[in-house]
């Protein structure tokens, strides 16, 4: 149990519901920190997706997050193209990263054919290697802030990749929800922070640097258990020379388990 421990996660309260439940079950106090906002590229994303499917004839579609699913399908509903989008995706073999993404796709009537055991870009590469998809074409709707790692990885194993950027990422603007965290952070009363993406690392520092110098931020984080959900998040923290432990399973539950381990050693 984590009696009396206070642990923050770089997600909004709505997105952190699983983490909050796990923390409360272990008698810890959770704090949700909305670090990033997703800004849709607008109604055009649906037409662009449909045109790419029509021109490129992808064999697979890969959804990396529930956010990408929601933005694409909700936009399609708003512009009256939901059924057309649903059919276009259903005519591909669908791969989903993580159980939450799979559940979200299911709510839009999309059957998921593959869900990698490792919920990461590396897991996607491993899954495609196992199903012998050399020469196939994949469409990936994703964030404009994404790096090129997944595309390069799939290209190396002989898969053609078509990417479409659905949204951009910026630091969360209304930071009044951070006031309680700032106060506890200043008093050295935060025991752990879970970072959930490279973007959330950048957002955290952009928000916190308005009230603290970088030296103070780094000194305080040195005293805290820092867990990253996966290797890309970890690498972003390492750029700032922040010691962190990478979750063995790249999910919220996996990150919580790692945090629990580091705080109960």
C-alpha atoms as a PDB file:
ATOM      1  CA  UNK A   1       0.000   0.000   0.000  1.00  0.00           C
ATOM      2  CA  UNK A   2       1.003   3.622  -0.519  1.00  0.00           C
ATOM      3  CA  UNK A   3      -0.424   5.075   2.687  1.00  0.00           C
ATOM      4  CA  UNK A   4      -0.111   8.848   2.706  1.00  0.00           C
ATOM      5  CA  UNK A   5       1.799   9.119  -0.572  1.00  0.00           C
ATOM      6  CA  UNK A   6       0.869  11.882  -3.015  1.00  0.00           C
ATOM      7  CA  UNK A   7       1.355  11.013  -6.688  1.00  0.00           C
ATOM      8  CA  UNK A   8       0.737  13.201  -9.720  1.00  0.00           C
ATOM      9  CA  UNK A   9       0.086  12.116 -13.296  1.00  0.00           C
ATOM     10  CA  UNK A  10       0.383  14.299 -16.390  1.00  0.00           C
ATOM     11  CA  UNK A  11      -3.183  13.803 -17.551  1.00  0.00           C
ATOM     12  CA  UNK A  12      -6.501  15.558 -17.094  1.00  0.00           C
ATOM     13  CA  UNK A  13      -8.896  14.217 -14.470  1.00  0.00           C
ATOM     14  CA  UNK A  14     -11.094  12.585 -17.134  1.00  0.00           C
ATOM     15  CA  UNK A  15      -8.152  10.844 -18.766  1.00  0.00           C
ATOM     16  CA  UNK A  16      -6.627   9.855 -15.410  1.00  0.00           C
ATOM     17  CA  UNK A  17      -9.656   7.965 -14.055  1.00  0.00           C
ATOM     18  CA  UNK A  18      -7.867   4.586 -14.105  1.00  0.00           C
ATOM     19  CA  UNK A  19      -4.816   6.026 -12.338  1.00  0.00           C
ATOM     20  CA  UNK A  20      -6.969   7.814  -9.751  1.00  0.00           C
ATOM     21  CA  UNK A  21      -8.823   4.582  -8.956  1.00  0.00           C
ATOM     22  CA  UNK A  22      -5.558   2.627  -8.561  1.00  0.00           C
ATOM     23  CA  UNK A  23      -4.070   5.298  -6.295  1.00  0.00           C
ATOM     24  CA  UNK A  24      -7.151   5.439  -4.077  1.00  0.00           C
ATOM     25  CA  UNK A  25      -7.246   1.641  -3.821  1.00  0.00           C
ATOM     26  CA  UNK A  26      -3.702   1.860  -2.455  1.00  0.00           C
ATOM     27  CA  UNK A  27      -4.498   4.672  -0.009  1.00  0.00           C
ATOM     28  CA  UNK A  28      -2.497   7.235  -1.986  1.00  0.00           C
ATOM     29  CA  UNK A  29      -3.601  10.741  -2.964  1.00  0.00           C
ATOM     30  CA  UNK A  30      -3.677  11.224  -6.754  1.00  0.00           C
ATOM     31  CA  UNK A  31      -3.260  14.577  -8.489  1.00  0.00           C
ATOM     32  CA  UNK A  32      -4.154  14.997 -12.152  1.00  0.00           C
ATOM     33  CA  UNK A  33      -2.140  17.551 -14.108  1.00  0.00           C
ATOM     34  CA  UNK A  34      -3.535  18.403 -17.552  1.00  0.00           C
ATOM     35  CA  UNK A  35      -0.317  19.245 -19.387  1.00  0.00           C
ATOM     36  CA  UNK A  36      -1.331  19.311 -23.047  1.00  0.00           C
ATOM     37  CA  UNK A  37      -4.236  20.283 -25.245  1.00  0.00           C
ATOM     38  CA  UNK A  38      -5.013  18.714 -28.584  1.00  0.00           C
ATOM     39  CA  UNK A  39      -5.959  21.137 -31.322  1.00  0.00           C
ATOM     40  CA  UNK A  40      -7.730  19.456 -34.224  1.00  0.00           C
ATOM     41  CA  UNK A  41      -6.655  20.408 -37.718  1.00  0.00           C
ATOM     42  CA  UNK A  42     -10.344  20.836 -38.504  1.00  0.00           C
ATOM     43  CA  UNK A  43     -13.053  19.280 -40.647  1.00  0.00           C
ATOM     44  CA  UNK A  44     -10.637  18.685 -43.541  1.00  0.00           C
ATOM     45  CA  UNK A  45      -9.057  15.703 -41.754  1.00  0.00           C
ATOM     46  CA  UNK A  46     -11.975  13.427 -42.649  1.00  0.00           C
ATOM     47  CA  UNK A  47     -11.848  14.195 -46.374  1.00  0.00           C
ATOM     48  CA  UNK A  48      -8.065  13.864 -46.319  1.00  0.00           C
ATOM     49  CA  UNK A  49      -8.289  10.466 -44.655  1.00  0.00           C
ATOM     50  CA  UNK A  50     -10.935   9.227 -47.094  1.00  0.00           C
ATOM     51  CA  UNK A  51      -8.957  10.500 -50.092  1.00  0.00           C
ATOM     52  CA  UNK A  52      -5.817   8.753 -48.870  1.00  0.00           C
ATOM     53  CA  UNK A  53      -7.699   5.482 -48.405  1.00  0.00           C
ATOM     54  CA  UNK A  54      -9.127   5.817 -51.923  1.00  0.00           C
ATOM     55  CA  UNK A  55      -5.803   6.666 -53.574  1.00  0.00           C
ATOM     56  CA  UNK A  56      -3.380   4.566 -51.522  1.00  0.00           C
ATOM     57  CA  UNK A  57      -5.533   1.468 -50.836  1.00  0.00           C
ATOM     58  CA  UNK A  58      -3.956   0.683 -47.441  1.00  0.00           C
ATOM     59  CA  UNK A  59      -4.125  -2.900 -46.214  1.00  0.00           C
ATOM     60  CA  UNK A  60      -3.942  -1.866 -42.553  1.00  0.00           C
ATOM     61  CA  UNK A  61      -4.925   1.090 -40.416  1.00  0.00           C
ATOM     62  CA  UNK A  62      -3.094   1.688 -37.134  1.00  0.00           C
ATOM     63  CA  UNK A  63      -4.571   3.751 -34.305  1.00  0.00           C
ATOM     64  CA  UNK A  64      -2.026   4.776 -31.677  1.00  0.00           C
ATOM     65  CA  UNK A  65      -4.335   6.461 -29.161  1.00  0.00           C
ATOM     66  CA  UNK A  66      -7.958   6.832 -28.166  1.00  0.00           C
ATOM     67  CA  UNK A  67      -7.596  10.591 -28.768  1.00  0.00           C
ATOM     68  CA  UNK A  68      -6.809  10.052 -32.457  1.00  0.00           C
ATOM     69  CA  UNK A  69      -9.845   7.762 -32.755  1.00  0.00           C
ATOM     70  CA  UNK A  70     -12.192  10.264 -31.093  1.00  0.00           C
ATOM     71  CA  UNK A  71     -10.991  13.258 -33.071  1.00  0.00           C
ATOM     72  CA  UNK A  72     -11.302  11.464 -36.407  1.00  0.00           C
ATOM     73  CA  UNK A  73     -14.674   9.799 -35.820  1.00  0.00           C
ATOM     74  CA  UNK A  74     -16.308  12.704 -33.961  1.00  0.00           C
ATOM     75  CA  UNK A  75     -15.271  15.060 -36.749  1.00  0.00           C
ATOM     76  CA  UNK A  76     -16.775  12.626 -39.258  1.00  0.00           C
ATOM     77  CA  UNK A  77     -20.048  12.725 -37.322  1.00  0.00           C
ATOM     78  CA  UNK A  78     -20.042  16.512 -37.349  1.00  0.00           C
ATOM     79  CA  UNK A  79     -19.561  16.702 -41.129  1.00  0.00           C
ATOM     80  CA  UNK A  80     -22.007  13.895 -41.940  1.00  0.00           C
ATOM     81  CA  UNK A  81     -19.360  11.432 -43.138  1.00  0.00           C
ATOM     82  CA  UNK A  82     -19.407   8.986 -40.248  1.00  0.00           C
ATOM     83  CA  UNK A  83     -20.704   5.939 -42.121  1.00  0.00           C
ATOM     84  CA  UNK A  84     -18.320   6.525 -45.012  1.00  0.00           C
ATOM     85  CA  UNK A  85     -15.373   6.765 -42.609  1.00  0.00           C
ATOM     86  CA  UNK A  86     -16.564   3.727 -40.663  1.00  0.00           C
ATOM     87  CA  UNK A  87     -16.719   1.681 -43.867  1.00  0.00           C
ATOM     88  CA  UNK A  88     -13.303   2.919 -45.045  1.00  0.00           C
ATOM     89  CA  UNK A  89     -11.656   1.869 -41.765  1.00  0.00           C
ATOM     90  CA  UNK A  90     -13.593  -1.414 -41.559  1.00  0.00           C
ATOM     91  CA  UNK A  91     -12.291  -2.342 -45.015  1.00  0.00           C
ATOM     92  CA  UNK A  92      -8.740  -2.322 -43.632  1.00  0.00           C
ATOM     93  CA  UNK A  93      -7.166  -4.664 -41.099  1.00  0.00           C
ATOM     94  CA  UNK A  94      -7.232  -2.607 -37.901  1.00  0.00           C
ATOM     95  CA  UNK A  95      -4.409  -2.499 -35.379  1.00  0.00           C
ATOM     96  CA  UNK A  96      -4.869  -0.680 -32.088  1.00  0.00           C
ATOM     97  CA  UNK A  97      -2.276   0.307 -29.484  1.00  0.00           C
ATOM     98  CA  UNK A  98      -3.556  -0.329 -25.983  1.00  0.00           C
ATOM     99  CA  UNK A  99      -6.845  -1.550 -24.518  1.00  0.00           C
ATOM    100  CA  UNK A 100      -8.291   1.960 -24.186  1.00  0.00           C
ATOM    101  CA  UNK A 101      -7.773   2.631 -27.897  1.00  0.00           C
ATOM    102  CA  UNK A 102      -9.371  -0.726 -28.729  1.00  0.00           C
ATOM    103  CA  UNK A 103     -12.374   0.025 -26.504  1.00  0.00           C
ATOM    104  CA  UNK A 104     -12.785   3.442 -28.129  1.00  0.00           C
ATOM    105  CA  UNK A 105     -12.704   1.956 -31.633  1.00  0.00           C
ATOM    106  CA  UNK A 106     -15.334  -0.566 -30.547  1.00  0.00           C
ATOM    107  CA  UNK A 107     -17.653   2.250 -29.458  1.00  0.00           C
ATOM    108  CA  UNK A 108     -17.566   3.544 -33.050  1.00  0.00           C
ATOM    109  CA  UNK A 109     -18.394   0.100 -34.413  1.00  0.00           C
ATOM    110  CA  UNK A 110     -14.855  -0.779 -35.507  1.00  0.00           C
ATOM    111  CA  UNK A 111     -13.560  -4.300 -34.934  1.00  0.00           C
ATOM    112  CA  UNK A 112      -9.891  -4.467 -33.934  1.00  0.00           C
ATOM    113  CA  UNK A 113      -7.919  -7.298 -35.526  1.00  0.00           C
ATOM    114  CA  UNK A 114      -4.574  -6.815 -33.784  1.00  0.00           C
ATOM    115  CA  UNK A 115      -3.540  -5.301 -30.453  1.00  0.00           C
ATOM    116  CA  UNK A 116       0.221  -5.548 -29.766  1.00  0.00           C
ATOM    117  CA  UNK A 117       1.151  -6.934 -26.345  1.00  0.00           C
ATOM    118  CA  UNK A 118       3.642  -4.094 -25.993  1.00  0.00           C
ATOM    119  CA  UNK A 119       1.597  -0.881 -26.126  1.00  0.00           C
ATOM    120  CA  UNK A 120       4.178   1.202 -27.969  1.00  0.00           C
ATOM    121  CA  UNK A 121       5.628   1.905 -31.410  1.00  0.00           C
ATOM    122  CA  UNK A 122       8.080  -0.929 -30.822  1.00  0.00           C
ATOM    123  CA  UNK A 123       5.128  -3.204 -30.082  1.00  0.00           C
ATOM    124  CA  UNK A 124       3.536  -2.216 -33.397  1.00  0.00           C
ATOM    125  CA  UNK A 125       6.752  -3.150 -35.188  1.00  0.00           C
ATOM    126  CA  UNK A 126       6.902  -6.481 -33.369  1.00  0.00           C
ATOM    127  CA  UNK A 127       3.288  -7.245 -34.243  1.00  0.00           C
ATOM    128  CA  UNK A 128       3.812  -6.503 -37.938  1.00  0.00           C
ATOM    129  CA  UNK A 129       6.930  -8.687 -37.967  1.00  0.00           C
ATOM    130  CA  UNK A 130       4.961 -11.593 -36.520  1.00  0.00           C
ATOM    131  CA  UNK A 131       2.109 -11.349 -39.027  1.00  0.00           C
ATOM    132  CA  UNK A 132       4.512 -11.185 -42.003  1.00  0.00           C
ATOM    133  CA  UNK A 133       3.162  -7.970 -43.529  1.00  0.00           C
ATOM    134  CA  UNK A 134       6.134  -7.247 -45.796  1.00  0.00           C
ATOM    135  CA  UNK A 135       5.027  -5.304 -48.869  1.00  0.00           C
ATOM    136  CA  UNK A 136       1.740  -4.203 -47.272  1.00  0.00           C
ATOM    137  CA  UNK A 137       0.609  -0.605 -46.895  1.00  0.00           C
ATOM    138  CA  UNK A 138      -0.403   1.020 -43.612  1.00  0.00           C
ATOM    139  CA  UNK A 139      -2.277   4.255 -42.888  1.00  0.00           C
ATOM    140  CA  UNK A 140      -1.619   5.890 -39.503  1.00  0.00           C
ATOM    141  CA  UNK A 141      -3.757   8.828 -38.314  1.00  0.00           C
ATOM    142  CA  UNK A 142      -1.784  10.622 -35.586  1.00  0.00           C
ATOM    143  CA  UNK A 143      -0.493  13.785 -33.926  1.00  0.00           C
ATOM    144  CA  UNK A 144       1.395  16.463 -35.807  1.00  0.00           C
ATOM    145  CA  UNK A 145       3.896  16.371 -32.918  1.00  0.00           C
ATOM    146  CA  UNK A 146       4.789  12.719 -33.585  1.00  0.00           C
ATOM    147  CA  UNK A 147       8.353  11.708 -34.319  1.00  0.00           C
ATOM    148  CA  UNK A 148       9.411   9.594 -37.298  1.00  0.00           C
ATOM    149  CA  UNK A 149      10.425   6.508 -35.308  1.00  0.00           C
ATOM    150  CA  UNK A 150       7.412   4.318 -36.139  1.00  0.00           C
ATOM    151  CA  UNK A 151       7.430   5.158 -39.850  1.00  0.00           C
ATOM    152  CA  UNK A 152      11.146   4.414 -40.097  1.00  0.00           C
ATOM    153  CA  UNK A 153      10.757   1.189 -38.119  1.00  0.00           C
ATOM    154  CA  UNK A 154       7.966  -0.111 -40.370  1.00  0.00           C
ATOM    155  CA  UNK A 155       9.835   0.953 -43.512  1.00  0.00           C
ATOM    156  CA  UNK A 156      12.825  -1.104 -42.334  1.00  0.00           C
ATOM    157  CA  UNK A 157      10.705  -4.250 -42.130  1.00  0.00           C
ATOM    158  CA  UNK A 158       9.313  -3.656 -45.617  1.00  0.00           C
ATOM    159  CA  UNK A 159       6.012  -1.921 -44.899  1.00  0.00           C
ATOM    160  CA  UNK A 160       4.841   1.193 -46.724  1.00  0.00           C
ATOM    161  CA  UNK A 161       3.508   3.876 -44.395  1.00  0.00           C
ATOM    162  CA  UNK A 162       1.040   6.687 -45.106  1.00  0.00           C
ATOM    163  CA  UNK A 163       0.651   9.157 -42.239  1.00  0.00           C
ATOM    164  CA  UNK A 164      -2.098  11.725 -41.759  1.00  0.00           C
ATOM    165  CA  UNK A 165      -1.842  14.346 -39.024  1.00  0.00           C
ATOM    166  CA  UNK A 166      -5.141  14.930 -37.252  1.00  0.00           C
ATOM    167  CA  UNK A 167      -4.160  17.404 -34.547  1.00  0.00           C
ATOM    168  CA  UNK A 168      -1.409  19.511 -33.021  1.00  0.00           C
ATOM    169  CA  UNK A 169      -0.304  19.580 -29.398  1.00  0.00           C
ATOM    170  CA  UNK A 170       0.214  22.639 -27.188  1.00  0.00           C
ATOM    171  CA  UNK A 171       0.743  23.214 -23.457  1.00  0.00           C
ATOM    172  CA  UNK A 172      -2.475  23.299 -21.400  1.00  0.00           C
ATOM    173  CA  UNK A 173      -3.542  26.925 -21.080  1.00  0.00           C
ATOM    174  CA  UNK A 174      -5.797  27.037 -17.984  1.00  0.00           C
ATOM    175  CA  UNK A 175      -3.366  26.061 -15.229  1.00  0.00           C
ATOM    176  CA  UNK A 176      -5.540  27.001 -12.226  1.00  0.00           C
ATOM    177  CA  UNK A 177      -5.934  23.241 -11.649  1.00  0.00           C
ATOM    178  CA  UNK A 178      -2.193  23.165 -10.921  1.00  0.00           C
ATOM    179  CA  UNK A 179      -2.380  25.448  -7.864  1.00  0.00           C
ATOM    180  CA  UNK A 180      -2.611  22.647  -5.308  1.00  0.00           C
ATOM    181  CA  UNK A 181       0.238  20.764  -6.963  1.00  0.00           C
ATOM    182  CA  UNK A 182       2.447  23.876  -7.033  1.00  0.00           C
ATOM    183  CA  UNK A 183       1.915  24.419  -3.301  1.00  0.00           C
ATOM    184  CA  UNK A 184       2.770  20.797  -2.405  1.00  0.00           C
ATOM    185  CA  UNK A 185       5.685  20.789  -4.849  1.00  0.00           C
ATOM    186  CA  UNK A 186       7.166  23.863  -3.133  1.00  0.00           C
ATOM    187  CA  UNK A 187       6.816  22.126   0.242  1.00  0.00           C
ATOM    188  CA  UNK A 188       8.464  18.881  -0.958  1.00  0.00           C
ATOM    189  CA  UNK A 189       5.195  17.031  -0.333  1.00  0.00           C
ATOM    190  CA  UNK A 190       4.940  15.345  -3.760  1.00  0.00           C
ATOM    191  CA  UNK A 191       6.191  11.746  -3.635  1.00  0.00           C
ATOM    192  CA  UNK A 192       5.968  10.808  -7.300  1.00  0.00           C
ATOM    193  CA  UNK A 193       5.115  12.021 -10.785  1.00  0.00           C
ATOM    194  CA  UNK A 194       4.094   9.799 -13.697  1.00  0.00           C
ATOM    195  CA  UNK A 195       4.820  11.268 -17.124  1.00  0.00           C
ATOM    196  CA  UNK A 196       2.608   9.817 -19.854  1.00  0.00           C
ATOM    197  CA  UNK A 197       4.150  11.142 -23.088  1.00  0.00           C
ATOM    198  CA  UNK A 198       7.044  13.161 -24.449  1.00  0.00           C
ATOM    199  CA  UNK A 199       4.570  15.981 -25.110  1.00  0.00           C
ATOM    200  CA  UNK A 200       3.451  15.906 -21.483  1.00  0.00           C
ATOM    201  CA  UNK A 201       7.078  16.315 -20.359  1.00  0.00           C
ATOM    202  CA  UNK A 202       7.433  19.418 -22.518  1.00  0.00           C
ATOM    203  CA  UNK A 203       4.047  20.722 -21.326  1.00  0.00           C
ATOM    204  CA  UNK A 204       4.945  20.142 -17.663  1.00  0.00           C
ATOM    205  CA  UNK A 205       8.108  22.201 -17.927  1.00  0.00           C
ATOM    206  CA  UNK A 206       6.483  24.939 -19.981  1.00  0.00           C
ATOM    207  CA  UNK A 207       3.790  25.339 -17.315  1.00  0.00           C
ATOM    208  CA  UNK A 208       6.004  24.978 -14.234  1.00  0.00           C
ATOM    209  CA  UNK A 209       8.791  27.222 -15.563  1.00  0.00           C
ATOM    210  CA  UNK A 210       6.424  30.190 -15.244  1.00  0.00           C
ATOM    211  CA  UNK A 211       6.722  29.897 -11.445  1.00  0.00           C
ATOM    212  CA  UNK A 212      10.069  28.170 -10.891  1.00  0.00           C
ATOM    213  CA  UNK A 213      13.565  28.464 -12.275  1.00  0.00           C
ATOM    214  CA  UNK A 214      14.858  25.396 -14.083  1.00  0.00           C
ATOM    215  CA  UNK A 215      17.391  24.798 -11.283  1.00  0.00           C
ATOM    216  CA  UNK A 216      14.658  24.661  -8.642  1.00  0.00           C
ATOM    217  CA  UNK A 217      12.494  22.422 -10.827  1.00  0.00           C
ATOM    218  CA  UNK A 218      15.326  19.967 -11.378  1.00  0.00           C
ATOM    219  CA  UNK A 219      16.393  20.022  -7.709  1.00  0.00           C
ATOM    220  CA  UNK A 220      12.840  19.277  -6.516  1.00  0.00           C
ATOM    221  CA  UNK A 221      12.307  16.525  -9.080  1.00  0.00           C
ATOM    222  CA  UNK A 222      15.559  14.927  -7.928  1.00  0.00           C
ATOM    223  CA  UNK A 223      13.837  14.228  -4.583  1.00  0.00           C
ATOM    224  CA  UNK A 224      10.748  12.709  -6.238  1.00  0.00           C
ATOM    225  CA  UNK A 225      10.131   9.290  -7.749  1.00  0.00           C
ATOM    226  CA  UNK A 226       9.690   9.917 -11.489  1.00  0.00           C
ATOM    227  CA  UNK A 227       8.144   7.223 -13.697  1.00  0.00           C
ATOM    228  CA  UNK A 228       7.801   7.394 -17.477  1.00  0.00           C
ATOM    229  CA  UNK A 229       5.179   5.371 -19.309  1.00  0.00           C
ATOM    230  CA  UNK A 230       7.556   4.337 -22.088  1.00  0.00           C
ATOM    231  CA  UNK A 231      10.971   4.848 -23.713  1.00  0.00           C
ATOM    232  CA  UNK A 232      10.133   7.992 -25.711  1.00  0.00           C
ATOM    233  CA  UNK A 233       8.820   9.702 -22.581  1.00  0.00           C
ATOM    234  CA  UNK A 234      11.927   8.562 -20.737  1.00  0.00           C
ATOM    235  CA  UNK A 235      14.197   9.959 -23.444  1.00  0.00           C
ATOM    236  CA  UNK A 236      12.486  13.351 -23.214  1.00  0.00           C
ATOM    237  CA  UNK A 237      13.151  13.377 -19.451  1.00  0.00           C
ATOM    238  CA  UNK A 238      16.753  12.300 -19.998  1.00  0.00           C
ATOM    239  CA  UNK A 239      17.306  15.331 -22.243  1.00  0.00           C
ATOM    240  CA  UNK A 240      16.702  17.372 -19.090  1.00  0.00           C
ATOM    241  CA  UNK A 241      18.922  15.012 -17.045  1.00  0.00           C
ATOM    242  CA  UNK A 242      15.962  13.835 -14.953  1.00  0.00           C
ATOM    243  CA  UNK A 243      16.357  10.378 -13.474  1.00  0.00           C
ATOM    244  CA  UNK A 244      13.316   8.235 -14.199  1.00  0.00           C
ATOM    245  CA  UNK A 245      12.156   4.653 -14.200  1.00  0.00           C
ATOM    246  CA  UNK A 246      10.441   3.293 -17.302  1.00  0.00           C
ATOM    247  CA  UNK A 247       7.275   1.239 -16.807  1.00  0.00           C
ATOM    248  CA  UNK A 248       7.814  -2.378 -17.867  1.00  0.00           C
ATOM    249  CA  UNK A 249       4.314  -2.410 -19.365  1.00  0.00           C
ATOM    250  CA  UNK A 250       3.641   0.820 -21.247  1.00  0.00           C
ATOM    251  CA  UNK A 251       0.142   1.465 -19.917  1.00  0.00           C
ATOM    252  CA  UNK A 252      -1.324   3.524 -17.067  1.00  0.00           C
ATOM    253  CA  UNK A 253      -1.632   0.381 -14.923  1.00  0.00           C
ATOM    254  CA  UNK A 254       1.952  -0.547 -15.763  1.00  0.00           C
ATOM    255  CA  UNK A 255       3.178   2.940 -14.864  1.00  0.00           C
ATOM    256  CA  UNK A 256       1.276   2.839 -11.583  1.00  0.00           C
ATOM    257  CA  UNK A 257       2.760  -0.566 -10.703  1.00  0.00           C
ATOM    258  CA  UNK A 258       6.250   0.786 -11.368  1.00  0.00           C
ATOM    259  CA  UNK A 259       5.547   3.834  -9.219  1.00  0.00           C
ATOM    260  CA  UNK A 260       4.298   1.577  -6.448  1.00  0.00           C
ATOM    261  CA  UNK A 261       7.484  -0.476  -6.656  1.00  0.00           C
ATOM    262  CA  UNK A 262       9.743   2.567  -6.492  1.00  0.00           C
ATOM    263  CA  UNK A 263       7.890   4.044  -3.504  1.00  0.00           C
ATOM    264  CA  UNK A 264       7.719   0.853  -1.451  1.00  0.00           C
ATOM    265  CA  UNK A 265      11.328  -0.312  -1.848  1.00  0.00           C
END
